[in-house]
PDB file of N, CA and C in Angstrom:
ATOM      1  N   MET A   1     116.371 139.041  63.622  1.00  0.00           N
ATOM      2  CA  MET A   1     114.898 139.200  63.911  1.00  0.00           C
ATOM      3  C   MET A   1     114.096 137.512  63.576  1.00  0.00           C
ATOM      4  N   VAL A   2     114.626 136.982  62.575  1.00  0.00           N
ATOM      5  CA  VAL A   2     114.106 135.826  62.323  1.00  0.00           C
ATOM      6  C   VAL A   2     114.344 134.477  63.422  1.00  0.00           C
ATOM      7  N   LEU A   3     115.787 134.586  63.821  1.00  0.00           N
ATOM      8  CA  LEU A   3     116.366 133.736  64.504  1.00  0.00           C
ATOM      9  C   LEU A   3     115.350 133.649  66.121  1.00  0.00           C
ATOM     10  N   LEU A   4     115.227 135.065  66.403  1.00  0.00           N
ATOM     11  CA  LEU A   4     114.294 135.482  67.827  1.00  0.00           C
ATOM     12  C   LEU A   4     113.067 134.725  67.582  1.00  0.00           C
ATOM     13  N   ALA A   5     112.405 134.933  66.202  1.00  0.00           N
ATOM     14  CA  ALA A   5     111.019 134.140  66.388  1.00  0.00           C
ATOM     15  C   ALA A   5     111.180 132.525  66.293  1.00  0.00           C
ATOM     16  N   VAL A   6     112.123 132.042  65.564  1.00  0.00           N
ATOM     17  CA  VAL A   6     112.344 130.773  65.539  1.00  0.00           C
ATOM     18  C   VAL A   6     112.384 130.017  67.355  1.00  0.00           C
ATOM     19  N   SER A   7     113.744 130.648  67.768  1.00  0.00           N
ATOM     20  CA  SER A   7     113.903 130.236  69.201  1.00  0.00           C
ATOM     21  C   SER A   7     112.701 130.312  70.121  1.00  0.00           C
ATOM     22  N   ALA A   8     111.853 131.537  69.956  1.00  0.00           N
ATOM     23  CA  ALA A   8     110.613 131.507  70.889  1.00  0.00           C
ATOM     24  C   ALA A   8     109.661 130.694  70.421  1.00  0.00           C
ATOM     25  N   GLY A   9     109.268 130.419  69.183  1.00  0.00           N
ATOM     26  CA  GLY A   9     108.495 129.362  68.756  1.00  0.00           C
ATOM     27  C   GLY A   9     108.631 127.815  69.389  1.00  0.00           C
ATOM     28  N   CYS A  10     110.172 127.537  69.450  1.00  0.00           N
ATOM     29  CA  CYS A  10     110.377 126.089  70.000  1.00  0.00           C
ATOM     30  C   CYS A  10     110.528 126.160  71.424  1.00  0.00           C
ATOM     31  N   LYS A  11     110.389 126.900  72.321  1.00  0.00           N
ATOM     32  CA  LYS A  11     110.391 126.986  73.734  1.00  0.00           C
ATOM     33  C   LYS A  11     108.939 126.377  74.398  1.00  0.00           C
ATOM     34  N   PRO A  12     109.212 125.315  74.865  1.00  0.00           N
ATOM     35  CA  PRO A  12     107.890 124.478  75.428  1.00  0.00           C
ATOM     36  C   PRO A  12     107.023 125.406  76.231  1.00  0.00           C
ATOM     37  N   LYS A  13     105.879 125.277  76.216  1.00  0.00           N
ATOM     38  CA  LYS A  13     104.849 126.026  76.890  1.00  0.00           C
ATOM     39  C   LYS A  13     104.905 125.704  78.224  1.00  0.00           C
ATOM     40  N   VAL A  14     104.827 126.493  79.475  1.00  0.00           N
ATOM     41  CA  VAL A  14     104.657 126.136  80.577  1.00  0.00           C
ATOM     42  C   VAL A  14     103.344 126.296  80.833  1.00  0.00           C
ATOM     43  N   ILE A  15     102.756 125.042  81.731  1.00  0.00           N
ATOM     44  CA  ILE A  15     101.528 124.772  82.142  1.00  0.00           C
ATOM     45  C   ILE A  15     101.569 124.507  83.722  1.00  0.00           C
ATOM     46  N   SER A  16     100.231 124.899  83.979  1.00  0.00           N
ATOM     47  CA  SER A  16     100.123 124.701  85.703  1.00  0.00           C
ATOM     48  C   SER A  16      98.753 124.551  85.863  1.00  0.00           C
ATOM     49  N   GLY A  17      98.287 124.542  87.119  1.00  0.00           N
ATOM     50  CA  GLY A  17      96.965 124.157  87.570  1.00  0.00           C
ATOM     51  C   GLY A  17      96.425 123.055  87.045  1.00  0.00           C
ATOM     52  N   ALA A  18      95.136 123.067  86.594  1.00  0.00           N
ATOM     53  CA  ALA A  18      94.108 122.157  85.989  1.00  0.00           C
ATOM     54  C   ALA A  18      94.926 121.682  84.913  1.00  0.00           C
ATOM     55  N   GLU A  19      95.354 122.480  84.199  1.00  0.00           N
ATOM     56  CA  GLU A  19      95.829 121.902  82.811  1.00  0.00           C
ATOM     57  C   GLU A  19      97.282 121.112  83.180  1.00  0.00           C
ATOM     58  N   LEU A  20      97.800 121.304  83.976  1.00  0.00           N
ATOM     59  CA  LEU A  20      98.932 120.189  84.409  1.00  0.00           C
ATOM     60  C   LEU A  20      98.496 119.269  84.877  1.00  0.00           C
ATOM     61  N   GLU A  21      97.495 119.078  85.884  1.00  0.00           N
ATOM     62  CA  GLU A  21      96.819 118.070  86.456  1.00  0.00           C
ATOM     63  C   GLU A  21      96.493 117.382  85.234  1.00  0.00           C
ATOM     64  N   SER A  22      95.547 117.653  84.395  1.00  0.00           N
ATOM     65  CA  SER A  22      95.054 117.043  83.276  1.00  0.00           C
ATOM     66  C   SER A  22      96.237 116.253  82.240  1.00  0.00           C
ATOM     67  N   LYS A  23      97.145 116.934  82.009  1.00  0.00           N
ATOM     68  CA  LYS A  23      98.357 116.563  81.670  1.00  0.00           C
ATOM     69  C   LYS A  23      99.181 115.494  82.071  1.00  0.00           C
ATOM     70  N   LEU A  24      99.513 115.454  83.364  1.00  0.00           N
ATOM     71  CA  LEU A  24      99.746 114.406  84.066  1.00  0.00           C
ATOM     72  C   LEU A  24      99.090 113.249  84.147  1.00  0.00           C
ATOM     73  N   ILE A  25      97.450 113.313  84.515  1.00  0.00           N
ATOM     74  CA  ILE A  25      96.714 112.126  84.480  1.00  0.00           C
ATOM     75  C   ILE A  25      96.682 111.422  82.924  1.00  0.00           C
ATOM     76  N   GLU A  26      97.013 112.157  82.009  1.00  0.00           N
ATOM     77  CA  GLU A  26      96.639 111.729  80.477  1.00  0.00           C
ATOM     78  C   GLU A  26      97.992 110.940  80.512  1.00  0.00           C
ATOM     79  N   THR A  27      99.116 111.403  80.955  1.00  0.00           N
ATOM     80  CA  THR A  27     100.378 110.710  80.822  1.00  0.00           C
ATOM     81  C   THR A  27     100.449 109.460  81.449  1.00  0.00           C
ATOM     82  N   MET A  28      99.959 109.419  82.731  1.00  0.00           N
ATOM     83  CA  MET A  28      99.853 107.966  83.455  1.00  0.00           C
ATOM     84  C   MET A  28      98.801 107.169  82.613  1.00  0.00           C
ATOM     85  N   ASN A  29      97.704 107.668  82.115  1.00  0.00           N
ATOM     86  CA  ASN A  29      96.432 106.938  81.585  1.00  0.00           C
ATOM     87  C   ASN A  29      97.524 105.876  80.184  1.00  0.00           C
ATOM     88  N   ASP A  30      98.227 106.600  79.552  1.00  0.00           N
ATOM     89  CA  ASP A  30      98.899 106.472  78.389  1.00  0.00           C
ATOM     90  C   ASP A  30     100.142 105.249  78.766  1.00  0.00           C
ATOM     91  N   TYR A  31     100.397 105.608  79.942  1.00  0.00           N
ATOM     92  CA  TYR A  31     101.411 104.783  80.662  1.00  0.00           C
ATOM     93  C   TYR A  31     100.790 103.764  80.864  1.00  0.00           C
ATOM     94  N   LEU A  32      99.803 103.524  81.578  1.00  0.00           N
ATOM     95  CA  LEU A  32      99.227 102.356  82.291  1.00  0.00           C
ATOM     96  C   LEU A  32      98.713 101.626  81.086  1.00  0.00           C
ATOM     97  N   HIS A  33      98.171 102.195  79.995  1.00  0.00           N
ATOM     98  CA  HIS A  33      97.447 101.278  79.132  1.00  0.00           C
ATOM     99  C   HIS A  33      98.495 100.492  78.193  1.00  0.00           C
ATOM    100  N   LYS A  34      99.890 101.098  78.332  1.00  0.00           N
ATOM    101  CA  LYS A  34     100.651 100.210  77.701  1.00  0.00           C
ATOM    102  C   LYS A  34     101.503  99.217  78.602  1.00  0.00           C
ATOM    103  N   THR A  35     101.415  99.313  79.839  1.00  0.00           N
ATOM    104  CA  THR A  35     102.094  98.455  80.880  1.00  0.00           C
ATOM    105  C   THR A  35     101.046  97.512  81.330  1.00  0.00           C
ATOM    106  N   LEU A  36     100.166  97.502  81.731  1.00  0.00           N
ATOM    107  CA  LEU A  36      98.850  96.707  82.428  1.00  0.00           C
ATOM    108  C   LEU A  36      98.844  95.447  81.472  1.00  0.00           C
ATOM    109  N   GLN A  37      98.567  94.531  82.312  1.00  0.00           N
ATOM    110  CA  GLN A  37      98.096  93.259  81.745  1.00  0.00           C
ATOM    111  C   GLN A  37      96.624  93.432  80.888  1.00  0.00           C
ATOM    112  N   HIS A  38      96.656  92.457  79.881  1.00  0.00           N
ATOM    113  CA  HIS A  38      95.541  93.009  79.180  1.00  0.00           C
ATOM    114  C   HIS A  38      94.049  92.186  79.851  1.00  0.00           C
ATOM    115  N   GLY A  39      93.111  92.921  79.597  1.00  0.00           N
ATOM    116  CA  GLY A  39      92.067  92.763  80.516  1.00  0.00           C
ATOM    117  C   GLY A  39      91.823  93.607  81.871  1.00  0.00           C
ATOM    118  N   VAL A  40      92.918  94.224  82.179  1.00  0.00           N
ATOM    119  CA  VAL A  40      92.709  95.092  83.449  1.00  0.00           C
ATOM    120  C   VAL A  40      91.962  96.537  82.853  1.00  0.00           C
ATOM    121  N   GLU A  41      90.990  96.802  83.530  1.00  0.00           N
ATOM    122  CA  GLU A  41      90.501  98.366  83.206  1.00  0.00           C
ATOM    123  C   GLU A  41      90.820  99.170  84.398  1.00  0.00           C
ATOM    124  N   PHE A  42      91.039 100.054  84.099  1.00  0.00           N
ATOM    125  CA  PHE A  42      91.244 101.210  85.588  1.00  0.00           C
ATOM    126  C   PHE A  42      90.549 102.820  85.072  1.00  0.00           C
ATOM    127  N   THR A  43      90.548 103.495  85.982  1.00  0.00           N
ATOM    128  CA  THR A  43      89.954 104.740  85.983  1.00  0.00           C
ATOM    129  C   THR A  43      91.097 105.708  86.860  1.00  0.00           C
ATOM    130  N   ILE A  44      91.549 106.854  86.499  1.00  0.00           N
ATOM    131  CA  ILE A  44      92.574 107.416  87.461  1.00  0.00           C
ATOM    132  C   ILE A  44      91.762 108.628  87.784  1.00  0.00           C
ATOM    133  N   LYS A  45      91.062 108.497  89.295  1.00  0.00           N
ATOM    134  CA  LYS A  45      90.540 109.659  90.028  1.00  0.00           C
ATOM    135  C   LYS A  45      90.877 110.946  90.194  1.00  0.00           C
ATOM    136  N   ASP A  46      92.396 110.904  90.439  1.00  0.00           N
ATOM    137  CA  ASP A  46      92.953 112.358  90.591  1.00  0.00           C
ATOM    138  C   ASP A  46      94.426 112.132  90.766  1.00  0.00           C
ATOM    139  N   VAL A  47      95.163 113.350  91.005  1.00  0.00           N
ATOM    140  CA  VAL A  47      96.535 113.132  91.205  1.00  0.00           C
ATOM    141  C   VAL A  47      96.879 113.994  92.273  1.00  0.00           C
ATOM    142  N   ILE A  48      97.726 113.893  92.957  1.00  0.00           N
ATOM    143  CA  ILE A  48      98.616 114.803  93.924  1.00  0.00           C
ATOM    144  C   ILE A  48      99.900 114.970  93.471  1.00  0.00           C
ATOM    145  N   TYR A  49     100.524 115.859  93.341  1.00  0.00           N
ATOM    146  CA  TYR A  49     102.059 116.003  92.861  1.00  0.00           C
ATOM    147  C   TYR A  49     102.867 117.530  93.256  1.00  0.00           C
ATOM    148  N   TYR A  50     103.904 117.224  93.150  1.00  0.00           N
ATOM    149  CA  TYR A  50     104.744 118.526  93.481  1.00  0.00           C
ATOM    150  C   TYR A  50     105.879 118.331  92.718  1.00  0.00           C
ATOM    151  N   THR A  51     106.451 119.653  92.046  1.00  0.00           N
ATOM    152  CA  THR A  51     107.551 119.608  91.270  1.00  0.00           C
ATOM    153  C   THR A  51     108.803 119.777  91.906  1.00  0.00           C
ATOM    154  N   GLU A  52     109.669 118.781  91.396  1.00  0.00           N
ATOM    155  CA  GLU A  52     111.189 118.695  91.749  1.00  0.00           C
ATOM    156  C   GLU A  52     112.061 119.494  90.492  1.00  0.00           C
ATOM    157  N   VAL A  53     111.982 120.651  90.886  1.00  0.00           N
ATOM    158  CA  VAL A  53     112.980 121.514  89.723  1.00  0.00           C
ATOM    159  C   VAL A  53     114.334 121.169  89.551  1.00  0.00           C
ATOM    160  N   SER A  54     114.970 121.009  90.371  1.00  0.00           N
ATOM    161  CA  SER A  54     116.328 120.565  89.993  1.00  0.00           C
ATOM    162  C   SER A  54     116.541 119.405  89.494  1.00  0.00           C
ATOM    163  N   LYS A  55     115.426 118.511  89.461  1.00  0.00           N
ATOM    164  CA  LYS A  55     115.495 117.250  88.579  1.00  0.00           C
ATOM    165  C   LYS A  55     114.832 117.015  87.400  1.00  0.00           C
ATOM    166  N   LYS A  56     113.788 118.485  87.137  1.00  0.00           N
ATOM    167  CA  LYS A  56     113.261 118.517  86.261  1.00  0.00           C
ATOM    168  C   LYS A  56     111.961 117.368  85.926  1.00  0.00           C
ATOM    169  N   LEU A  57     111.455 117.329  87.140  1.00  0.00           N
ATOM    170  CA  LEU A  57     110.170 116.170  86.940  1.00  0.00           C
ATOM    171  C   LEU A  57     109.182 116.446  88.132  1.00  0.00           C
ATOM    172  N   TYR A  58     108.133 115.503  88.027  1.00  0.00           N
ATOM    173  CA  TYR A  58     106.800 115.821  88.887  1.00  0.00           C
ATOM    174  C   TYR A  58     107.088 114.535  89.569  1.00  0.00           C
ATOM    175  N   ILE A  59     106.840 114.710  90.914  1.00  0.00           N
ATOM    176  CA  ILE A  59     106.454 113.385  91.867  1.00  0.00           C
ATOM    177  C   ILE A  59     105.349 113.285  92.139  1.00  0.00           C
ATOM    178  N   CYS A  60     104.472 112.162  91.798  1.00  0.00           N
ATOM    179  CA  CYS A  60     102.999 112.285  91.506  1.00  0.00           C
ATOM    180  C   CYS A  60     102.368 110.949  92.367  1.00  0.00           C
ATOM    181  N   ARG A  61     101.364 111.050  92.742  1.00  0.00           N
ATOM    182  CA  ARG A  61     100.543 110.165  93.378  1.00  0.00           C
ATOM    183  C   ARG A  61      99.233 110.018  93.109  1.00  0.00           C
ATOM    184  N   PHE A  62      98.974 109.087  92.184  1.00  0.00           N
ATOM    185  CA  PHE A  62      97.330 108.741  91.298  1.00  0.00           C
ATOM    186  C   PHE A  62      96.551 107.893  92.196  1.00  0.00           C
ATOM    187  N   HIS A  63      95.440 108.428  92.397  1.00  0.00           N
ATOM    188  CA  HIS A  63      94.302 107.412  92.974  1.00  0.00           C
ATOM    189  C   HIS A  63      93.651 106.912  91.668  1.00  0.00           C
ATOM    190  N   VAL A  64      93.694 105.417  91.868  1.00  0.00           N
ATOM    191  CA  VAL A  64      93.333 104.772  90.674  1.00  0.00           C
ATOM    192  C   VAL A  64      92.275 103.605  91.269  1.00  0.00           C
ATOM    193  N   ASN A  65      91.145 103.634  90.269  1.00  0.00           N
ATOM    194  CA  ASN A  65      90.241 102.460  90.518  1.00  0.00           C
ATOM    195  C   ASN A  65      90.672 101.501  89.281  1.00  0.00           C
ATOM    196  N   MET A  66      90.804  99.938  89.805  1.00  0.00           N
ATOM    197  CA  MET A  66      91.051  98.995  88.920  1.00  0.00           C
ATOM    198  C   MET A  66      90.049  97.687  89.069  1.00  0.00           C
ATOM    199  N   HIS A  67      90.009  97.523  87.766  1.00  0.00           N
ATOM    200  CA  HIS A  67      88.675  96.494  87.809  1.00  0.00           C
ATOM    201  C   HIS A  67      89.524  95.185  86.988  1.00  0.00           C
ATOM    202  N   PHE A  68      89.468  94.031  87.625  1.00  0.00           N
ATOM    203  CA  PHE A  68      89.919  92.586  86.798  1.00  0.00           C
ATOM    204  C   PHE A  68      89.461  91.386  87.574  1.00  0.00           C
ATOM    205  N   SER A  69      89.123  90.522  86.563  1.00  0.00           N
ATOM    206  CA  SER A  69      88.652  89.378  87.231  1.00  0.00           C
ATOM    207  C   SER A  69      87.713  89.211  88.095  1.00  0.00           C
ATOM    208  N   ASN A  70      86.459  90.088  87.618  1.00  0.00           N
ATOM    209  CA  ASN A  70      85.613  90.347  88.434  1.00  0.00           C
ATOM    210  C   ASN A  70      85.739  90.857  89.901  1.00  0.00           C
ATOM    211  N   LYS A  71      86.825  91.636  90.146  1.00  0.00           N
ATOM    212  CA  LYS A  71      87.131  92.174  91.250  1.00  0.00           C
ATOM    213  C   LYS A  71      87.718  93.519  91.074  1.00  0.00           C
ATOM    214  N   ASP A  72      87.475  94.539  91.952  1.00  0.00           N
ATOM    215  CA  ASP A  72      87.589  95.885  91.863  1.00  0.00           C
ATOM    216  C   ASP A  72      88.563  96.298  93.010  1.00  0.00           C
ATOM    217  N   THR A  73      89.357  97.213  92.876  1.00  0.00           N
ATOM    218  CA  THR A  73      90.449  97.481  93.912  1.00  0.00           C
ATOM    219  C   THR A  73      90.507  98.939  93.662  1.00  0.00           C
ATOM    220  N   THR A  74      90.896  99.801  94.950  1.00  0.00           N
ATOM    221  CA  THR A  74      91.178 101.126  94.664  1.00  0.00           C
ATOM    222  C   THR A  74      92.470 101.187  95.227  1.00  0.00           C
ATOM    223  N   GLY A  75      93.361 102.162  94.623  1.00  0.00           N
ATOM    224  CA  GLY A  75      94.933 102.153  95.244  1.00  0.00           C
ATOM    225  C   GLY A  75      95.634 103.293  94.956  1.00  0.00           C
ATOM    226  N   ILE A  76      96.602 103.423  95.062  1.00  0.00           N
ATOM    227  CA  ILE A  76      97.558 104.599  94.798  1.00  0.00           C
ATOM    228  C   ILE A  76      98.775 104.117  93.924  1.00  0.00           C
ATOM    229  N   VAL A  77      98.646 104.724  92.681  1.00  0.00           N
ATOM    230  CA  VAL A  77      99.801 104.504  92.075  1.00  0.00           C
ATOM    231  C   VAL A  77     101.032 105.465  92.056  1.00  0.00           C
ATOM    232  N   ALA A  78     102.084 105.318  92.697  1.00  0.00           N
ATOM    233  CA  ALA A  78     103.155 106.184  92.432  1.00  0.00           C
ATOM    234  C   ALA A  78     104.171 106.387  91.589  1.00  0.00           C
ATOM    235  N   ALA A  79     104.509 107.678  91.052  1.00  0.00           N
ATOM    236  CA  ALA A  79     105.274 107.431  89.831  1.00  0.00           C
ATOM    237  C   ALA A  79     106.178 109.122  89.760  1.00  0.00           C
ATOM    238  N   THR A  80     107.264 109.063  89.031  1.00  0.00           N
ATOM    239  CA  THR A  80     107.762 110.287  88.883  1.00  0.00           C
ATOM    240  C   THR A  80     107.775 110.550  86.933  1.00  0.00           C
ATOM    241  N   ILE A  81     107.310 111.886  86.812  1.00  0.00           N
ATOM    242  CA  ILE A  81     106.945 111.946  85.245  1.00  0.00           C
ATOM    243  C   ILE A  81     107.964 112.950  84.781  1.00  0.00           C
ATOM    244  N   THR A  82     108.717 113.041  84.001  1.00  0.00           N
ATOM    245  CA  THR A  82     109.707 114.056  83.604  1.00  0.00           C
ATOM    246  C   THR A  82     108.861 115.481  83.025  1.00  0.00           C
ATOM    247  N   ASN A  83     109.253 116.296  83.280  1.00  0.00           N
ATOM    248  CA  ASN A  83     108.524 117.597  82.843  1.00  0.00           C
ATOM    249  C   ASN A  83     108.441 117.961  81.408  1.00  0.00           C
ATOM    250  N   ASP A  84     108.753 117.114  80.457  1.00  0.00           N
ATOM    251  CA  ASP A  84     108.570 117.094  79.155  1.00  0.00           C
ATOM    252  C   ASP A  84     107.211 116.013  78.855  1.00  0.00           C
ATOM    253  N   PHE A  85     106.951 115.032  79.931  1.00  0.00           N
ATOM    254  CA  PHE A  85     105.763 114.217  79.633  1.00  0.00           C
ATOM    255  C   PHE A  85     106.331 112.999  78.879  1.00  0.00           C
ATOM    256  N   ARG A  86     107.668 112.839  78.814  1.00  0.00           N
ATOM    257  CA  ARG A  86     107.914 111.728  77.998  1.00  0.00           C
ATOM    258  C   ARG A  86     108.285 110.410  78.727  1.00  0.00           C
ATOM    259  N   LYS A  87     108.471 110.631  79.822  1.00  0.00           N
ATOM    260  CA  LYS A  87     109.267 109.308  80.702  1.00  0.00           C
ATOM    261  C   LYS A  87     108.361 109.271  81.983  1.00  0.00           C
ATOM    262  N   VAL A  88     107.760 108.102  82.302  1.00  0.00           N
ATOM    263  CA  VAL A  88     107.333 107.758  83.452  1.00  0.00           C
ATOM    264  C   VAL A  88     108.302 106.483  84.238  1.00  0.00           C
ATOM    265  N   VAL A  89     108.181 106.944  85.613  1.00  0.00           N
ATOM    266  CA  VAL A  89     108.889 105.612  86.222  1.00  0.00           C
ATOM    267  C   VAL A  89     108.010 105.548  87.626  1.00  0.00           C
ATOM    268  N   ARG A  90     107.528 104.374  87.645  1.00  0.00           N
ATOM    269  CA  ARG A  90     106.728 104.067  88.706  1.00  0.00           C
ATOM    270  C   ARG A  90     107.976 104.156  89.967  1.00  0.00           C
ATOM    271  N   THR A  91     107.146 104.282  91.442  1.00  0.00           N
ATOM    272  CA  THR A  91     108.099 104.158  92.540  1.00  0.00           C
ATOM    273  C   THR A  91     107.338 103.555  93.659  1.00  0.00           C
ATOM    274  N   GLN A  92     107.825 103.286  94.613  1.00  0.00           N
ATOM    275  CA  GLN A  92     107.259 102.642  95.818  1.00  0.00           C
ATOM    276  C   GLN A  92     106.582 103.887  96.637  1.00  0.00           C
TER     277      GLN A  92
END
């Protein structure tokens, strides 16, 4: 009985909908803060994604506003994010 309770407690919670979108944006936000040059400010507006179940990842396209050197630009940042939200890989 105790083993069942421990194994059930360790199973990751499956999220979806608005909660999943929020987690994907949070993960990309953390990644961009770590990888962009100092002085670049950005705002992630939204994310479009789909789940690649066989590879255990999300394929994402983020709409991002960036501000740097008195310039503003809006663009798309494409990336894959593992379903445990630990690894982000930017794509073309």
